[in-house]
Amino acid sequence: MIKNEEEFIELISRNFERIRDIPKNWLGVGDDAAKIFSNDESLIFCTDAMVENVHFKTHHNYNDVGWKSIVSNQSDLASMGAYPIAFCVTLGINKGLNQNKIKKLYEGMNSACKEFGGYLVGGDVVKSETSFISIAAIGTLYNPKRIMVRSSAKKGDLVAHTGNIGDSGAGLFKLENNISKNNDSQIKKFLRPIPRIKEAKKAIEIGIKCCIDLSDGLEKDLMRICKASQVEIIINFEKIRTSKELNNLYKNKSFQDQVLSSGEDYELILIGDEKKINSLKEKMYLNIIGKVIDNKKSDLKFLNNSSEIKQKSNNYDHFKS
């Protein structure tokens, strides 16, 4: 039984030669997107899906669902240092996905493409008991000689993030518990996130080589970098930027756990040497939270005012029942 996404990736990467034995100048399974060379240009590919009752509910505004389905892919492209070119959309439809909802869905996708780039160029429609939206995205690197990947963190590098951490999870918590107000920024962050495309372009221009988009929670995504780069990272929890409202929201829950496990923020984790990270901080809203301290083992530690946080967060995983 596959326990998590990492085991799934290891299984397919180890056993199938058309996944394992790709050309040397390509980048395949294991990062937020893939890279291939075609006519001397680097094309970046990724895919993401949203499933009814997992990522959205039937009573949600389908304009928001369409927007988010595109943005999640735009964010993956950004994390590699790429901008979007085109998207193919596969819809799984049932009786509940009527013409009005489909129209709203495509209005949202169209708006995200107009705002952040890319065209809707094709796809497929299939009958399904559970409705879903699966997006295949194609992008290209801002600089064909530069790419940001999970495996390039080095000892001595600083760890930083864009935006606030935990707002999207807070928005979901509010929706599930009927806690809402007009123009709630956290609910908006959950329903209509913003891909950090401009920030990724600046990071590439400065020479940042290590990045991941924050989609599955801070702890889980940072651990992916630790494993890919074979490094140990220490994060100072008190330096993580969160909104003032977050601590009050989780009165009966672990504030620390929510910050470490909150997914779908679509912020960027950027890792690079001190000079480059500080130069980048002068050009954008960036928060330094930790450091790569070792290149002999893969490990991740969180300190809160110098005391290690022992409890691991409860990150979402599709392989958990």
C-alpha atoms as a PDB file:
ATOM      1  CA  MET A   1       0.000   0.000   0.000  1.00  0.00           C
ATOM      2  CA  ILE A   2       1.391   3.388  -1.029  1.00  0.00           C
ATOM      3  CA  LYS A   3       1.510   5.645   2.037  1.00  0.00           C
ATOM      4  CA  ASN A   4       2.251   9.053   0.518  1.00  0.00           C
ATOM      5  CA  GLU A   5       3.147  11.029  -2.591  1.00  0.00           C
ATOM      6  CA  GLU A   6       6.870  10.473  -2.098  1.00  0.00           C
ATOM      7  CA  GLU A   7       6.431   6.683  -2.158  1.00  0.00           C
ATOM      8  CA  PHE A   8       4.278   6.990  -5.280  1.00  0.00           C
ATOM      9  CA  ILE A   9       6.972   9.047  -7.054  1.00  0.00           C
ATOM     10  CA  GLU A  10       9.668   6.589  -6.008  1.00  0.00           C
ATOM     11  CA  LEU A  11       7.596   3.658  -7.293  1.00  0.00           C
ATOM     12  CA  ILE A  12       7.036   5.056 -10.780  1.00  0.00           C
ATOM     13  CA  SER A  13      10.527   6.569 -11.057  1.00  0.00           C
ATOM     14  CA  ARG A  14      12.221   3.278 -10.196  1.00  0.00           C
ATOM     15  CA  ASN A  15      10.146   0.884 -12.276  1.00  0.00           C
ATOM     16  CA  PHE A  16       9.362   2.561 -15.585  1.00  0.00           C
ATOM     17  CA  GLU A  17      12.193   3.345 -17.995  1.00  0.00           C
ATOM     18  CA  ARG A  18      10.271   6.050 -19.864  1.00  0.00           C
ATOM     19  CA  ILE A  19      10.110   7.953 -16.565  1.00  0.00           C
ATOM     20  CA  ARG A  20      13.537   6.963 -15.248  1.00  0.00           C
ATOM     21  CA  ASP A  21      15.721   7.129 -18.374  1.00  0.00           C
ATOM     22  CA  ILE A  22      14.889  10.551 -19.792  1.00  0.00           C
ATOM     23  CA  PRO A  23      17.488  12.557 -21.789  1.00  0.00           C
ATOM     24  CA  LYS A  24      20.282  14.043 -19.681  1.00  0.00           C
ATOM     25  CA  ASN A  25      19.359  17.666 -20.351  1.00  0.00           C
ATOM     26  CA  TRP A  26      15.716  17.089 -19.358  1.00  0.00           C
ATOM     27  CA  LEU A  27      14.239  17.339 -15.868  1.00  0.00           C
ATOM     28  CA  GLY A  28      11.527  14.815 -15.045  1.00  0.00           C
ATOM     29  CA  VAL A  29       9.521  13.567 -12.085  1.00  0.00           C
ATOM     30  CA  GLY A  30      10.413  15.016  -8.675  1.00  0.00           C
ATOM     31  CA  ASP A  31      10.055  18.801  -8.962  1.00  0.00           C
ATOM     32  CA  ASP A  32       7.041  21.081  -9.312  1.00  0.00           C
ATOM     33  CA  ALA A  33       7.248  20.827 -13.106  1.00  0.00           C
ATOM     34  CA  ALA A  34       9.309  19.131 -15.820  1.00  0.00           C
ATOM     35  CA  LYS A  35      11.762  20.591 -18.353  1.00  0.00           C
ATOM     36  CA  ILE A  36      12.500  19.440 -21.893  1.00  0.00           C
ATOM     37  CA  PHE A  37      14.567  20.903 -24.714  1.00  0.00           C
ATOM     38  CA  SER A  38      12.930  21.521 -28.071  1.00  0.00           C
ATOM     39  CA  ASN A  39      14.496  23.605 -30.844  1.00  0.00           C
ATOM     40  CA  ASP A  40      16.952  25.117 -28.380  1.00  0.00           C
ATOM     41  CA  GLU A  41      14.187  26.298 -26.030  1.00  0.00           C
ATOM     42  CA  SER A  42      13.423  24.932 -22.576  1.00  0.00           C
ATOM     43  CA  LEU A  43       9.777  24.017 -22.221  1.00  0.00           C
ATOM     44  CA  ILE A  44       8.348  23.467 -18.750  1.00  0.00           C
ATOM     45  CA  PHE A  45       5.460  21.064 -18.192  1.00  0.00           C
ATOM     46  CA  CYS A  46       3.269  20.405 -15.173  1.00  0.00           C
ATOM     47  CA  THR A  47      -0.202  19.175 -14.336  1.00  0.00           C
ATOM     48  CA  ASP A  48      -2.602  19.613 -11.454  1.00  0.00           C
ATOM     49  CA  ALA A  49      -6.130  18.448 -10.720  1.00  0.00           C
ATOM     50  CA  MET A  50      -9.077  19.536  -8.599  1.00  0.00           C
ATOM     51  CA  VAL A  51     -11.666  16.969  -7.536  1.00  0.00           C
ATOM     52  CA  GLU A  52     -15.183  17.511  -6.209  1.00  0.00           C
ATOM     53  CA  ASN A  53     -15.398  17.088  -2.397  1.00  0.00           C
ATOM     54  CA  VAL A  54     -11.588  17.040  -2.135  1.00  0.00           C
ATOM     55  CA  HIS A  55     -10.598  20.461  -3.488  1.00  0.00           C
ATOM     56  CA  PHE A  56     -14.004  22.093  -3.915  1.00  0.00           C
ATOM     57  CA  LYS A  57     -17.668  21.643  -3.027  1.00  0.00           C
ATOM     58  CA  THR A  58     -20.617  21.717  -5.400  1.00  0.00           C
ATOM     59  CA  HIS A  59     -21.976  24.853  -3.706  1.00  0.00           C
ATOM     60  CA  HIS A  60     -18.748  26.808  -4.328  1.00  0.00           C
ATOM     61  CA  ASN A  61     -18.640  29.540  -6.933  1.00  0.00           C
ATOM     62  CA  TYR A  62     -17.309  27.761 -10.031  1.00  0.00           C
ATOM     63  CA  ASN A  63     -15.649  30.959 -11.217  1.00  0.00           C
ATOM     64  CA  ASP A  64     -13.354  30.599  -8.179  1.00  0.00           C
ATOM     65  CA  VAL A  65     -12.849  26.884  -8.899  1.00  0.00           C
ATOM     66  CA  GLY A  66     -11.787  27.649 -12.470  1.00  0.00           C
ATOM     67  CA  TRP A  67      -9.462  30.432 -11.335  1.00  0.00           C
ATOM     68  CA  LYS A  68      -7.747  28.222  -8.775  1.00  0.00           C
ATOM     69  CA  SER A  69      -7.347  25.290 -11.176  1.00  0.00           C
ATOM     70  CA  ILE A  70      -5.234  27.482 -13.470  1.00  0.00           C
ATOM     71  CA  VAL A  71      -3.383  29.353 -10.710  1.00  0.00           C
ATOM     72  CA  SER A  72      -2.137  26.130  -9.089  1.00  0.00           C
ATOM     73  CA  ASN A  73      -0.365  25.315 -12.358  1.00  0.00           C
ATOM     74  CA  GLN A  74       0.874  28.874 -12.862  1.00  0.00           C
ATOM     75  CA  SER A  75       2.391  28.656  -9.386  1.00  0.00           C
ATOM     76  CA  ASP A  76       4.201  25.411 -10.238  1.00  0.00           C
ATOM     77  CA  LEU A  77       5.650  27.032 -13.349  1.00  0.00           C
ATOM     78  CA  ALA A  78       6.705  30.104 -11.374  1.00  0.00           C
ATOM     79  CA  SER A  79       8.557  27.972  -8.843  1.00  0.00           C
ATOM     80  CA  MET A  80      10.771  26.685 -11.657  1.00  0.00           C
ATOM     81  CA  GLY A  81      11.469  30.163 -13.017  1.00  0.00           C
ATOM     82  CA  ALA A  82       9.016  29.876 -15.906  1.00  0.00           C
ATOM     83  CA  TYR A  83       6.002  31.747 -17.228  1.00  0.00           C
ATOM     84  CA  PRO A  84       2.858  30.092 -18.657  1.00  0.00           C
ATOM     85  CA  ILE A  85       2.220  29.639 -22.372  1.00  0.00           C
ATOM     86  CA  ALA A  86      -0.738  27.282 -22.716  1.00  0.00           C
ATOM     87  CA  PHE A  87      -3.112  24.984 -20.841  1.00  0.00           C
ATOM     88  CA  CYS A  88      -5.091  21.875 -21.795  1.00  0.00           C
ATOM     89  CA  VAL A  89      -8.188  21.251 -19.695  1.00  0.00           C
ATOM     90  CA  THR A  90      -9.741  17.838 -19.025  1.00  0.00           C
ATOM     91  CA  LEU A  91     -13.183  17.956 -17.401  1.00  0.00           C
ATOM     92  CA  GLY A  92     -14.854  15.077 -15.636  1.00  0.00           C
ATOM     93  CA  ILE A  93     -18.554  15.914 -15.757  1.00  0.00           C
ATOM     94  CA  ASN A  94     -21.657  14.550 -14.047  1.00  0.00           C
ATOM     95  CA  LYS A  95     -25.283  15.661 -13.824  1.00  0.00           C
ATOM     96  CA  GLY A  96     -24.405  18.224 -11.153  1.00  0.00           C
ATOM     97  CA  LEU A  97     -21.992  20.057 -13.451  1.00  0.00           C
ATOM     98  CA  ASN A  98     -24.539  21.913 -15.547  1.00  0.00           C
ATOM     99  CA  GLN A  99     -24.028  24.423 -18.341  1.00  0.00           C
ATOM    100  CA  ASN A 100     -24.069  27.426 -16.016  1.00  0.00           C
ATOM    101  CA  LYS A 101     -21.374  25.927 -13.768  1.00  0.00           C
ATOM    102  CA  ILE A 102     -19.235  25.008 -16.775  1.00  0.00           C
ATOM    103  CA  LYS A 103     -19.538  28.577 -18.071  1.00  0.00           C
ATOM    104  CA  LYS A 104     -18.543  29.967 -14.675  1.00  0.00           C
ATOM    105  CA  LEU A 105     -15.655  27.499 -14.528  1.00  0.00           C
ATOM    106  CA  TYR A 106     -14.246  28.698 -17.827  1.00  0.00           C
ATOM    107  CA  GLU A 107     -14.820  32.333 -16.919  1.00  0.00           C
ATOM    108  CA  GLY A 108     -12.553  31.779 -13.912  1.00  0.00           C
ATOM    109  CA  MET A 109      -9.918  29.969 -15.982  1.00  0.00           C
ATOM    110  CA  ASN A 110     -10.047  32.682 -18.619  1.00  0.00           C
ATOM    111  CA  SER A 111      -9.620  35.422 -15.996  1.00  0.00           C
ATOM    112  CA  ALA A 112      -6.558  33.722 -14.470  1.00  0.00           C
ATOM    113  CA  CYS A 113      -4.995  33.352 -17.916  1.00  0.00           C
ATOM    114  CA  LYS A 114      -5.640  37.019 -18.753  1.00  0.00           C
ATOM    115  CA  GLU A 115      -4.216  38.123 -15.403  1.00  0.00           C
ATOM    116  CA  PHE A 116      -1.110  35.921 -15.200  1.00  0.00           C
ATOM    117  CA  GLY A 117      -0.514  34.500 -18.681  1.00  0.00           C
ATOM    118  CA  GLY A 118      -1.262  31.535 -20.889  1.00  0.00           C
ATOM    119  CA  TYR A 119      -3.942  30.410 -23.313  1.00  0.00           C
ATOM    120  CA  LEU A 120      -6.509  27.628 -23.116  1.00  0.00           C
ATOM    121  CA  VAL A 121      -5.624  25.515 -26.150  1.00  0.00           C
ATOM    122  CA  GLY A 122      -7.528  22.240 -25.807  1.00  0.00           C
ATOM    123  CA  GLY A 123      -8.375  19.330 -23.582  1.00  0.00           C
ATOM    124  CA  ASP A 124     -11.003  16.641 -23.187  1.00  0.00           C
ATOM    125  CA  VAL A 125     -14.391  15.998 -21.604  1.00  0.00           C
ATOM    126  CA  VAL A 126     -15.294  12.681 -19.969  1.00  0.00           C
ATOM    127  CA  LYS A 127     -18.265  11.381 -18.012  1.00  0.00           C
ATOM    128  CA  SER A 128     -17.456  10.820 -14.348  1.00  0.00           C
ATOM    129  CA  GLU A 129     -19.385  10.032 -11.166  1.00  0.00           C
ATOM    130  CA  THR A 130     -17.308  12.679  -9.406  1.00  0.00           C
ATOM    131  CA  SER A 131     -16.647  15.919 -11.243  1.00  0.00           C
ATOM    132  CA  PHE A 132     -13.049  17.048 -11.637  1.00  0.00           C
ATOM    133  CA  ILE A 133     -10.838  19.500 -13.492  1.00  0.00           C
ATOM    134  CA  SER A 134      -7.388  18.374 -14.633  1.00  0.00           C
ATOM    135  CA  ILE A 135      -5.038  20.965 -16.130  1.00  0.00           C
ATOM    136  CA  ALA A 136      -1.903  20.256 -18.153  1.00  0.00           C
ATOM    137  CA  ALA A 137       0.299  23.345 -18.386  1.00  0.00           C
ATOM    138  CA  ILE A 138       3.159  24.328 -20.672  1.00  0.00           C
ATOM    139  CA  GLY A 139       5.533  27.170 -19.875  1.00  0.00           C
ATOM    140  CA  THR A 140       8.957  28.417 -20.835  1.00  0.00           C
ATOM    141  CA  LEU A 141      11.871  29.624 -18.743  1.00  0.00           C
ATOM    142  CA  TYR A 142      12.480  33.343 -18.326  1.00  0.00           C
ATOM    143  CA  ASN A 143      16.130  32.550 -18.931  1.00  0.00           C
ATOM    144  CA  PRO A 144      16.814  29.327 -20.875  1.00  0.00           C
ATOM    145  CA  LYS A 145      20.091  28.890 -18.994  1.00  0.00           C
ATOM    146  CA  ARG A 146      18.559  29.266 -15.527  1.00  0.00           C
ATOM    147  CA  ILE A 147      16.057  27.121 -13.652  1.00  0.00           C
ATOM    148  CA  MET A 148      15.039  26.800  -9.987  1.00  0.00           C
ATOM    149  CA  VAL A 149      14.783  23.262  -8.604  1.00  0.00           C
ATOM    150  CA  ARG A 150      14.439  21.521  -5.242  1.00  0.00           C
ATOM    151  CA  SER A 151      17.849  19.850  -5.421  1.00  0.00           C
ATOM    152  CA  SER A 152      20.137  22.904  -5.452  1.00  0.00           C
ATOM    153  CA  ALA A 153      20.133  24.059  -1.807  1.00  0.00           C
ATOM    154  CA  LYS A 154      23.658  24.371  -0.394  1.00  0.00           C
ATOM    155  CA  LYS A 155      25.165  24.592   3.082  1.00  0.00           C
ATOM    156  CA  GLY A 156      25.131  28.215   4.243  1.00  0.00           C
ATOM    157  CA  ASP A 157      22.163  29.225   2.083  1.00  0.00           C
ATOM    158  CA  LEU A 158      19.358  31.301   3.592  1.00  0.00           C
ATOM    159  CA  VAL A 159      15.713  30.186   3.482  1.00  0.00           C
ATOM    160  CA  ALA A 160      13.016  32.773   2.739  1.00  0.00           C
ATOM    161  CA  HIS A 161       9.363  32.933   1.750  1.00  0.00           C
ATOM    162  CA  THR A 162       7.043  35.359   0.000  1.00  0.00           C
ATOM    163  CA  GLY A 163       3.769  36.631   1.496  1.00  0.00           C
ATOM    164  CA  ASN A 164       2.054  35.325   4.626  1.00  0.00           C
ATOM    165  CA  ILE A 165       1.973  31.687   5.656  1.00  0.00           C
ATOM    166  CA  GLY A 166      -1.275  30.040   6.726  1.00  0.00           C
ATOM    167  CA  ASP A 167      -3.839  32.437   5.280  1.00  0.00           C
ATOM    168  CA  SER A 168      -5.290  29.961   2.784  1.00  0.00           C
ATOM    169  CA  GLY A 169      -5.790  27.323   5.477  1.00  0.00           C
ATOM    170  CA  ALA A 170      -7.397  29.972   7.660  1.00  0.00           C
ATOM    171  CA  GLY A 171      -9.757  30.837   4.812  1.00  0.00           C
ATOM    172  CA  LEU A 172     -10.791  27.190   4.489  1.00  0.00           C
ATOM    173  CA  PHE A 173     -11.268  26.960   8.279  1.00  0.00           C
ATOM    174  CA  LYS A 174     -13.546  30.003   8.196  1.00  0.00           C
ATOM    175  CA  LEU A 175     -15.624  28.596   5.339  1.00  0.00           C
ATOM    176  CA  GLU A 176     -16.027  25.233   7.068  1.00  0.00           C
ATOM    177  CA  ASN A 177     -17.025  26.883  10.341  1.00  0.00           C
ATOM    178  CA  ASN A 178     -19.205  29.658   8.905  1.00  0.00           C
ATOM    179  CA  ILE A 179     -16.836  32.369  10.104  1.00  0.00           C
ATOM    180  CA  SER A 180     -16.846  35.032   7.440  1.00  0.00           C
ATOM    181  CA  LYS A 181     -17.044  38.728   6.806  1.00  0.00           C
ATOM    182  CA  ASN A 182     -17.207  40.908   3.746  1.00  0.00           C
ATOM    183  CA  ASN A 183     -13.989  41.032   1.726  1.00  0.00           C
ATOM    184  CA  ASP A 184     -12.244  38.566   4.039  1.00  0.00           C
ATOM    185  CA  SER A 185      -8.633  38.428   2.803  1.00  0.00           C
ATOM    186  CA  GLN A 186      -8.021  34.903   4.094  1.00  0.00           C
ATOM    187  CA  ILE A 187     -11.117  33.447   2.419  1.00  0.00           C
ATOM    188  CA  LYS A 188     -10.074  35.237  -0.761  1.00  0.00           C
ATOM    189  CA  LYS A 189      -6.584  33.716  -0.425  1.00  0.00           C
ATOM    190  CA  PHE A 190      -8.135  30.234  -0.292  1.00  0.00           C
ATOM    191  CA  LEU A 191     -10.616  30.754  -3.129  1.00  0.00           C
ATOM    192  CA  ARG A 192      -8.584  33.010  -5.441  1.00  0.00           C
ATOM    193  CA  PRO A 193      -4.860  32.665  -4.703  1.00  0.00           C
ATOM    194  CA  ILE A 194      -2.209  34.668  -6.551  1.00  0.00           C
ATOM    195  CA  PRO A 195       0.725  32.903  -8.263  1.00  0.00           C
ATOM    196  CA  ARG A 196       4.066  34.549  -7.501  1.00  0.00           C
ATOM    197  CA  ILE A 197       5.105  34.889 -11.135  1.00  0.00           C
ATOM    198  CA  LYS A 198       6.639  38.371 -10.851  1.00  0.00           C
ATOM    199  CA  GLU A 199       8.581  37.332  -7.769  1.00  0.00           C
ATOM    200  CA  ALA A 200       9.889  34.235  -9.553  1.00  0.00           C
ATOM    201  CA  LYS A 201      11.151  36.375 -12.440  1.00  0.00           C
ATOM    202  CA  LYS A 202      13.073  38.591 -10.008  1.00  0.00           C
ATOM    203  CA  ALA A 203      14.501  35.521  -8.257  1.00  0.00           C
ATOM    204  CA  ILE A 204      15.736  34.089 -11.568  1.00  0.00           C
ATOM    205  CA  GLU A 205      17.278  37.430 -12.558  1.00  0.00           C
ATOM    206  CA  ILE A 206      19.258  37.567  -9.306  1.00  0.00           C
ATOM    207  CA  GLY A 207      20.418  33.970  -9.678  1.00  0.00           C
ATOM    208  CA  ILE A 208      18.351  31.994  -7.151  1.00  0.00           C
ATOM    209  CA  LYS A 209      18.580  28.284  -8.009  1.00  0.00           C
ATOM    210  CA  CYS A 210      16.427  26.584  -5.360  1.00  0.00           C
ATOM    211  CA  CYS A 211      12.670  27.040  -5.019  1.00  0.00           C
ATOM    212  CA  ILE A 212       9.403  25.260  -4.339  1.00  0.00           C
ATOM    213  CA  ASP A 213       5.860  26.572  -4.308  1.00  0.00           C
ATOM    214  CA  LEU A 214       4.026  26.230  -1.020  1.00  0.00           C
ATOM    215  CA  SER A 215       1.088  23.985  -1.886  1.00  0.00           C
ATOM    216  CA  ASP A 216       1.177  21.129   0.644  1.00  0.00           C
ATOM    217  CA  GLY A 217       2.310  22.892   3.814  1.00  0.00           C
ATOM    218  CA  LEU A 218       5.526  24.547   4.978  1.00  0.00           C
ATOM    219  CA  GLU A 219       6.936  21.503   6.776  1.00  0.00           C
ATOM    220  CA  LYS A 220       6.158  19.031   4.008  1.00  0.00           C
ATOM    221  CA  ASP A 221       7.428  21.223   1.175  1.00  0.00           C
ATOM    222  CA  LEU A 222      10.615  22.181   3.030  1.00  0.00           C
ATOM    223  CA  MET A 223      11.290  18.511   3.752  1.00  0.00           C
ATOM    224  CA  ARG A 224      11.051  17.845   0.019  1.00  0.00           C
ATOM    225  CA  ILE A 225      13.902  20.310  -0.498  1.00  0.00           C
ATOM    226  CA  CYS A 226      15.915  18.694   2.306  1.00  0.00           C
ATOM    227  CA  LYS A 227      15.592  15.284   0.668  1.00  0.00           C
ATOM    228  CA  ALA A 228      16.179  16.467  -2.892  1.00  0.00           C
ATOM    229  CA  SER A 229      19.231  18.550  -1.912  1.00  0.00           C
ATOM    230  CA  GLN A 230      20.480  16.156   0.806  1.00  0.00           C
ATOM    231  CA  VAL A 231      20.735  18.995   3.320  1.00  0.00           C
ATOM    232  CA  GLU A 232      19.662  19.889   6.846  1.00  0.00           C
ATOM    233  CA  ILE A 233      17.611  23.038   7.322  1.00  0.00           C
ATOM    234  CA  ILE A 234      16.785  24.920  10.519  1.00  0.00           C
ATOM    235  CA  ILE A 235      13.762  27.226  10.540  1.00  0.00           C
ATOM    236  CA  ASN A 236      13.118  29.850  13.214  1.00  0.00           C
ATOM    237  CA  PHE A 237       9.370  29.572  13.719  1.00  0.00           C
ATOM    238  CA  GLU A 238       9.012  33.014  15.268  1.00  0.00           C
ATOM    239  CA  LYS A 239      10.361  34.562  12.048  1.00  0.00           C
ATOM    240  CA  ILE A 240       7.657  33.041   9.847  1.00  0.00           C
ATOM    241  CA  ARG A 241       5.380  35.828   8.698  1.00  0.00           C
ATOM    242  CA  THR A 242       1.709  35.258   9.544  1.00  0.00           C
ATOM    243  CA  SER A 243      -1.289  37.563   9.678  1.00  0.00           C
ATOM    244  CA  LYS A 244      -2.246  38.987  13.077  1.00  0.00           C
ATOM    245  CA  GLU A 245      -5.631  37.297  12.904  1.00  0.00           C
ATOM    246  CA  LEU A 246      -4.209  33.794  12.629  1.00  0.00           C
ATOM    247  CA  ASN A 247      -3.294  33.286  16.287  1.00  0.00           C
ATOM    248  CA  ASN A 248      -6.756  34.340  17.489  1.00  0.00           C
ATOM    249  CA  LEU A 249      -8.499  32.156  14.923  1.00  0.00           C
ATOM    250  CA  TYR A 250      -7.106  28.877  16.218  1.00  0.00           C
ATOM    251  CA  LYS A 251      -7.971  29.259  19.898  1.00  0.00           C
ATOM    252  CA  ASN A 252      -8.721  25.579  20.355  1.00  0.00           C
ATOM    253  CA  LYS A 253      -6.193  24.305  17.846  1.00  0.00           C
ATOM    254  CA  SER A 254      -2.437  24.334  17.663  1.00  0.00           C
ATOM    255  CA  PHE A 255      -1.306  27.594  16.115  1.00  0.00           C
ATOM    256  CA  GLN A 256       2.095  26.081  15.360  1.00  0.00           C
ATOM    257  CA  ASP A 257       0.572  23.053  13.666  1.00  0.00           C
ATOM    258  CA  GLN A 258      -1.651  25.193  11.464  1.00  0.00           C
ATOM    259  CA  VAL A 259       1.248  27.357  10.327  1.00  0.00           C
ATOM    260  CA  LEU A 260       3.406  24.327   9.526  1.00  0.00           C
ATOM    261  CA  SER A 261       0.697  22.307   7.788  1.00  0.00           C
ATOM    262  CA  SER A 262      -1.464  24.889   6.018  1.00  0.00           C
ATOM    263  CA  GLY A 263      -1.546  24.124   2.303  1.00  0.00           C
ATOM    264  CA  GLU A 264      -2.504  25.956  -0.874  1.00  0.00           C
ATOM    265  CA  ASP A 265      -0.852  29.238   0.093  1.00  0.00           C
ATOM    266  CA  TYR A 266       0.969  29.216  -3.266  1.00  0.00           C
ATOM    267  CA  GLU A 267       3.765  31.317  -1.849  1.00  0.00           C
ATOM    268  CA  LEU A 268       7.358  30.623  -2.886  1.00  0.00           C
ATOM    269  CA  ILE A 269      10.077  29.149  -0.695  1.00  0.00           C
ATOM    270  CA  LEU A 270      13.321  30.609  -2.050  1.00  0.00           C
ATOM    271  CA  ILE A 271      16.754  29.374  -1.003  1.00  0.00           C
ATOM    272  CA  GLY A 272      20.068  30.942  -1.962  1.00  0.00           C
ATOM    273  CA  ASP A 273      23.302  32.414  -0.669  1.00  0.00           C
ATOM    274  CA  GLU A 274      23.124  35.339   1.733  1.00  0.00           C
ATOM    275  CA  LYS A 275      24.091  37.990  -0.812  1.00  0.00           C
ATOM    276  CA  LYS A 276      21.470  36.934  -3.363  1.00  0.00           C
ATOM    277  CA  ILE A 277      18.650  36.514  -0.840  1.00  0.00           C
ATOM    278  CA  ASN A 278      19.339  39.916   0.691  1.00  0.00           C
ATOM    279  CA  SER A 279      19.516  41.493  -2.782  1.00  0.00           C
ATOM    280  CA  LEU A 280      16.194  39.867  -3.622  1.00  0.00           C
ATOM    281  CA  LYS A 281      14.675  41.159  -0.388  1.00  0.00           C
ATOM    282  CA  GLU A 282      15.408  44.711  -1.574  1.00  0.00           C
ATOM    283  CA  LYS A 283      13.303  44.098  -4.687  1.00  0.00           C
ATOM    284  CA  MET A 284      10.275  42.293  -3.235  1.00  0.00           C
ATOM    285  CA  TYR A 285       8.265  41.366  -0.145  1.00  0.00           C
ATOM    286  CA  LEU A 286      10.491  38.573   1.228  1.00  0.00           C
ATOM    287  CA  ASN A 287      10.897  37.119   4.695  1.00  0.00           C
ATOM    288  CA  ILE A 288      14.040  35.231   5.823  1.00  0.00           C
ATOM    289  CA  ILE A 289      13.175  32.386   8.212  1.00  0.00           C
ATOM    290  CA  GLY A 290      16.095  29.969   8.348  1.00  0.00           C
ATOM    291  CA  LYS A 291      19.315  28.508   7.022  1.00  0.00           C
ATOM    292  CA  VAL A 292      20.810  25.418   5.429  1.00  0.00           C
ATOM    293  CA  ILE A 293      23.289  24.181   8.058  1.00  0.00           C
ATOM    294  CA  ASP A 294      24.539  20.820   6.792  1.00  0.00           C
ATOM    295  CA  ASN A 295      25.006  18.936   3.551  1.00  0.00           C
ATOM    296  CA  LYS A 296      25.609  15.476   5.013  1.00  0.00           C
ATOM    297  CA  LYS A 297      22.045  14.452   5.848  1.00  0.00           C
ATOM    298  CA  SER A 298      18.434  15.272   4.992  1.00  0.00           C
ATOM    299  CA  ASP A 299      16.740  16.782   8.012  1.00  0.00           C
ATOM    300  CA  LEU A 300      14.427  19.631   8.960  1.00  0.00           C
ATOM    301  CA  LYS A 301      14.165  21.297  12.366  1.00  0.00           C
ATOM    302  CA  PHE A 302      11.903  24.066  13.615  1.00  0.00           C
ATOM    303  CA  LEU A 303      12.999  26.221  16.543  1.00  0.00           C
ATOM    304  CA  ASN A 304      10.727  28.563  18.467  1.00  0.00           C
ATOM    305  CA  ASN A 305      12.844  31.084  20.362  1.00  0.00           C
ATOM    306  CA  SER A 306      15.735  28.570  20.346  1.00  0.00           C
ATOM    307  CA  SER A 307      13.589  25.649  21.628  1.00  0.00           C
ATOM    308  CA  GLU A 308      13.033  22.818  19.152  1.00  0.00           C
ATOM    309  CA  ILE A 309       9.455  22.102  18.148  1.00  0.00           C
ATOM    310  CA  LYS A 310       9.027  18.356  18.615  1.00  0.00           C
ATOM    311  CA  GLN A 311       5.486  17.922  17.344  1.00  0.00           C
ATOM    312  CA  LYS A 312       5.216  17.240  13.649  1.00  0.00           C
ATOM    313  CA  SER A 313       2.423  18.910  11.730  1.00  0.00           C
ATOM    314  CA  ASN A 314      -0.567  17.095  10.256  1.00  0.00           C
ATOM    315  CA  ASN A 315       0.022  17.770   6.576  1.00  0.00           C
ATOM    316  CA  TYR A 316      -2.624  16.725   4.079  1.00  0.00           C
ATOM    317  CA  ASP A 317      -1.749  13.730   1.920  1.00  0.00           C
ATOM    318  CA  HIS A 318      -3.921  12.221  -0.825  1.00  0.00           C
ATOM    319  CA  PHE A 319      -2.688   8.730   0.068  1.00  0.00           C
ATOM    320  CA  LYS A 320      -4.057   8.938   3.605  1.00  0.00           C
ATOM    321  CA  SER A 321      -7.488   7.381   4.050  1.00  0.00           C
END
